[in-house]
Amino acid sequence: MLAFAKTEVSFLFSYDPEHPEEPATRRIVELARTEPELEPVKWGGLTLPGAGGRATFMLALAGGTAPDIYKA
């Protein structure tokens, strides 16, 4: 049996391990069970007080630190 290195995939909105009952989180966890090399992580990038909408995401995108998946 071959061992694969884990590949982290960061999610901005759809994956929250603190709320495993959420439908999107459940589906991502199920996918990770069938694809053992997948390691889902909740994106914890920029936080900007008072920034609304997609400002945080857009700055992270421009800076090269955006999540792998914005919204699934």
N, C-alpha and C. Protein backbone atom coordinates (compact mmCIF):
# COMPACT_ATOMS: atom_id res chain seq x y z
N MET A 1 0.84 -1.18 0.00
CA MET A 1 0.00 0.00 0.00
C MET A 1 0.88 1.24 0.00
N LEU A 2 0.58 2.16 -0.88
CA LEU A 2 1.35 3.39 -0.98
C LEU A 2 0.84 4.42 0.01
N ALA A 3 1.76 5.20 0.55
CA ALA A 3 1.39 6.29 1.44
C ALA A 3 1.52 7.60 0.66
N PHE A 4 0.51 8.41 0.74
CA PHE A 4 0.52 9.69 0.05
C PHE A 4 0.69 10.82 1.06
N ALA A 5 1.39 11.86 0.63
CA ALA A 5 1.50 13.04 1.46
C ALA A 5 0.16 13.77 1.45
N LYS A 6 -0.18 14.37 2.56
CA LYS A 6 -1.43 15.13 2.65
C LYS A 6 -1.29 16.43 1.87
N THR A 7 -2.35 16.81 1.20
CA THR A 7 -2.41 18.08 0.49
C THR A 7 -3.46 18.94 1.18
N GLU A 8 -3.02 20.05 1.77
CA GLU A 8 -3.96 20.95 2.43
C GLU A 8 -4.74 21.74 1.38
N VAL A 9 -6.04 21.79 1.57
CA VAL A 9 -6.93 22.58 0.72
C VAL A 9 -7.70 23.50 1.66
N SER A 10 -7.49 24.81 1.49
CA SER A 10 -8.14 25.77 2.39
C SER A 10 -9.46 26.26 1.81
N PHE A 11 -10.44 26.38 2.70
CA PHE A 11 -11.80 26.81 2.34
C PHE A 11 -12.13 28.09 3.10
N LEU A 12 -12.72 29.06 2.40
CA LEU A 12 -13.08 30.31 3.07
C LEU A 12 -14.42 30.20 3.79
N PHE A 13 -15.48 29.80 3.11
CA PHE A 13 -16.80 29.80 3.73
C PHE A 13 -17.39 28.42 3.97
N SER A 14 -17.08 27.47 3.15
CA SER A 14 -17.84 26.22 3.15
C SER A 14 -17.38 25.19 4.17
N TYR A 15 -16.20 25.32 4.74
CA TYR A 15 -15.69 24.31 5.67
C TYR A 15 -15.43 24.94 7.03
N ASP A 16 -16.06 24.40 8.06
CA ASP A 16 -15.85 24.89 9.41
C ASP A 16 -15.83 23.69 10.36
N PRO A 17 -14.64 23.22 10.75
CA PRO A 17 -14.56 22.04 11.61
C PRO A 17 -15.19 22.25 12.98
N GLU A 18 -15.43 23.50 13.36
CA GLU A 18 -16.09 23.78 14.64
C GLU A 18 -17.60 23.55 14.55
N HIS A 19 -18.11 23.39 13.33
CA HIS A 19 -19.53 23.15 13.11
C HIS A 19 -19.70 21.97 12.14
N PRO A 20 -19.38 20.76 12.61
CA PRO A 20 -19.43 19.59 11.71
C PRO A 20 -20.83 19.23 11.25
N GLU A 21 -21.85 19.81 11.86
CA GLU A 21 -23.23 19.51 11.46
C GLU A 21 -23.65 20.26 10.19
N GLU A 22 -22.89 21.26 9.80
CA GLU A 22 -23.22 22.03 8.60
C GLU A 22 -23.12 21.14 7.36
N PRO A 23 -24.09 21.23 6.45
CA PRO A 23 -24.10 20.36 5.28
C PRO A 23 -22.82 20.40 4.44
N ALA A 24 -22.30 21.59 4.18
CA ALA A 24 -21.08 21.69 3.36
C ALA A 24 -19.89 21.06 4.07
N THR A 25 -19.78 21.30 5.37
CA THR A 25 -18.68 20.71 6.13
C THR A 25 -18.79 19.19 6.12
N ARG A 26 -19.99 18.68 6.30
CA ARG A 26 -20.18 17.22 6.27
C ARG A 26 -19.74 16.63 4.94
N ARG A 27 -20.09 17.28 3.85
CA ARG A 27 -19.72 16.76 2.53
C ARG A 27 -18.21 16.81 2.31
N ILE A 28 -17.58 17.86 2.79
CA ILE A 28 -16.12 17.97 2.64
C ILE A 28 -15.43 16.90 3.48
N VAL A 29 -15.92 16.65 4.68
CA VAL A 29 -15.35 15.60 5.53
C VAL A 29 -15.53 14.24 4.87
N GLU A 30 -16.70 14.00 4.28
CA GLU A 30 -16.93 12.73 3.57
C GLU A 30 -15.96 12.58 2.40
N LEU A 31 -15.73 13.66 1.67
CA LEU A 31 -14.78 13.61 0.57
C LEU A 31 -13.37 13.29 1.08
N ALA A 32 -12.99 13.91 2.19
CA ALA A 32 -11.66 13.66 2.75
C ALA A 32 -11.51 12.21 3.20
N ARG A 33 -12.59 11.58 3.61
CA ARG A 33 -12.53 10.16 3.99
C ARG A 33 -12.28 9.27 2.77
N THR A 34 -12.85 9.65 1.65
CA THR A 34 -12.66 8.84 0.43
C THR A 34 -11.36 9.18 -0.29
N GLU A 35 -10.82 10.36 -0.03
CA GLU A 35 -9.56 10.80 -0.63
C GLU A 35 -8.58 11.09 0.50
N PRO A 36 -7.87 10.07 0.99
CA PRO A 36 -7.03 10.23 2.18
C PRO A 36 -5.90 11.25 2.05
N GLU A 37 -5.53 11.61 0.83
CA GLU A 37 -4.47 12.61 0.69
C GLU A 37 -4.98 14.04 0.84
N LEU A 38 -6.29 14.22 0.90
CA LEU A 38 -6.90 15.54 1.06
C LEU A 38 -6.97 15.92 2.53
N GLU A 39 -6.48 17.10 2.86
CA GLU A 39 -6.53 17.62 4.23
C GLU A 39 -7.26 18.97 4.19
N PRO A 40 -8.58 18.98 4.44
CA PRO A 40 -9.30 20.26 4.42
C PRO A 40 -8.95 21.11 5.64
N VAL A 41 -8.77 22.40 5.40
CA VAL A 41 -8.49 23.34 6.49
C VAL A 41 -9.35 24.59 6.30
N LYS A 42 -9.74 25.17 7.40
CA LYS A 42 -10.49 26.43 7.36
C LYS A 42 -9.48 27.55 7.16
N TRP A 43 -9.73 28.39 6.16
CA TRP A 43 -8.82 29.49 5.89
C TRP A 43 -8.87 30.49 7.03
N GLY A 44 -7.74 30.89 7.50
CA GLY A 44 -7.66 31.84 8.60
C GLY A 44 -6.76 32.99 8.25
N GLY A 45 -6.99 33.57 7.11
CA GLY A 45 -6.13 34.63 6.60
C GLY A 45 -6.38 35.97 7.26
N LEU A 46 -6.41 36.96 6.45
CA LEU A 46 -6.55 38.34 6.90
C LEU A 46 -7.81 38.60 7.72
N THR A 47 -7.68 39.47 8.69
CA THR A 47 -8.86 40.01 9.36
C THR A 47 -8.71 41.52 9.37
N LEU A 48 -9.70 42.19 8.86
CA LEU A 48 -9.67 43.65 8.78
C LEU A 48 -10.87 44.20 9.52
N PRO A 49 -10.66 44.84 10.68
CA PRO A 49 -11.79 45.41 11.41
C PRO A 49 -12.53 46.43 10.55
N GLY A 50 -13.82 46.28 10.48
CA GLY A 50 -14.64 47.22 9.72
C GLY A 50 -14.71 46.95 8.23
N ALA A 51 -13.92 46.01 7.74
CA ALA A 51 -13.96 45.70 6.31
C ALA A 51 -15.17 44.83 6.03
N GLY A 52 -15.95 45.23 5.08
CA GLY A 52 -17.16 44.46 4.77
C GLY A 52 -17.05 43.79 3.42
N GLY A 53 -18.05 42.99 3.15
CA GLY A 53 -18.12 42.33 1.85
C GLY A 53 -16.93 41.43 1.58
N ARG A 54 -16.38 41.58 0.40
CA ARG A 54 -15.28 40.72 -0.03
C ARG A 54 -13.92 41.39 0.11
N ALA A 55 -13.82 42.50 0.83
CA ALA A 55 -12.56 43.24 0.92
C ALA A 55 -11.41 42.38 1.41
N THR A 56 -11.65 41.60 2.47
CA THR A 56 -10.61 40.74 3.01
C THR A 56 -10.15 39.72 1.98
N PHE A 57 -11.11 39.09 1.31
CA PHE A 57 -10.78 38.10 0.29
C PHE A 57 -10.00 38.75 -0.85
N MET A 58 -10.44 39.91 -1.32
CA MET A 58 -9.77 40.56 -2.44
C MET A 58 -8.34 40.95 -2.10
N LEU A 59 -8.11 41.43 -0.88
CA LEU A 59 -6.74 41.75 -0.46
C LEU A 59 -5.88 40.50 -0.37
N ALA A 60 -6.45 39.42 0.14
CA ALA A 60 -5.71 38.16 0.22
C ALA A 60 -5.40 37.64 -1.18
N LEU A 61 -6.34 37.79 -2.09
CA LEU A 61 -6.13 37.36 -3.47
C LEU A 61 -4.99 38.16 -4.10
N ALA A 62 -5.00 39.46 -3.91
CA ALA A 62 -3.95 40.31 -4.46
C ALA A 62 -2.59 40.00 -3.84
N GLY A 63 -2.60 39.62 -2.57
CA GLY A 63 -1.34 39.32 -1.88
C GLY A 63 -0.87 37.89 -2.02
N GLY A 64 -1.62 37.07 -2.73
CA GLY A 64 -1.21 35.69 -2.94
C GLY A 64 -1.45 34.77 -1.76
N THR A 65 -2.35 35.15 -0.85
CA THR A 65 -2.62 34.32 0.33
C THR A 65 -4.08 33.90 0.42
N ALA A 66 -4.78 33.97 -0.69
CA ALA A 66 -6.21 33.63 -0.70
C ALA A 66 -6.42 32.14 -0.46
N PRO A 67 -7.61 31.77 0.00
CA PRO A 67 -7.90 30.34 0.18
C PRO A 67 -7.95 29.63 -1.17
N ASP A 68 -7.78 28.32 -1.13
CA ASP A 68 -7.85 27.53 -2.36
C ASP A 68 -9.26 27.54 -2.93
N ILE A 69 -10.26 27.45 -2.05
CA ILE A 69 -11.66 27.43 -2.48
C ILE A 69 -12.40 28.54 -1.75
N TYR A 70 -12.97 29.46 -2.52
CA TYR A 70 -13.67 30.60 -1.95
C TYR A 70 -15.01 30.18 -1.37
N LYS A 71 -15.82 29.50 -2.16
CA LYS A 71 -17.11 29.03 -1.68
C LYS A 71 -17.52 27.83 -2.51
N ALA A 72 -17.84 26.74 -1.82
CA ALA A 72 -18.22 25.52 -2.54
C ALA A 72 -19.71 25.33 -2.50
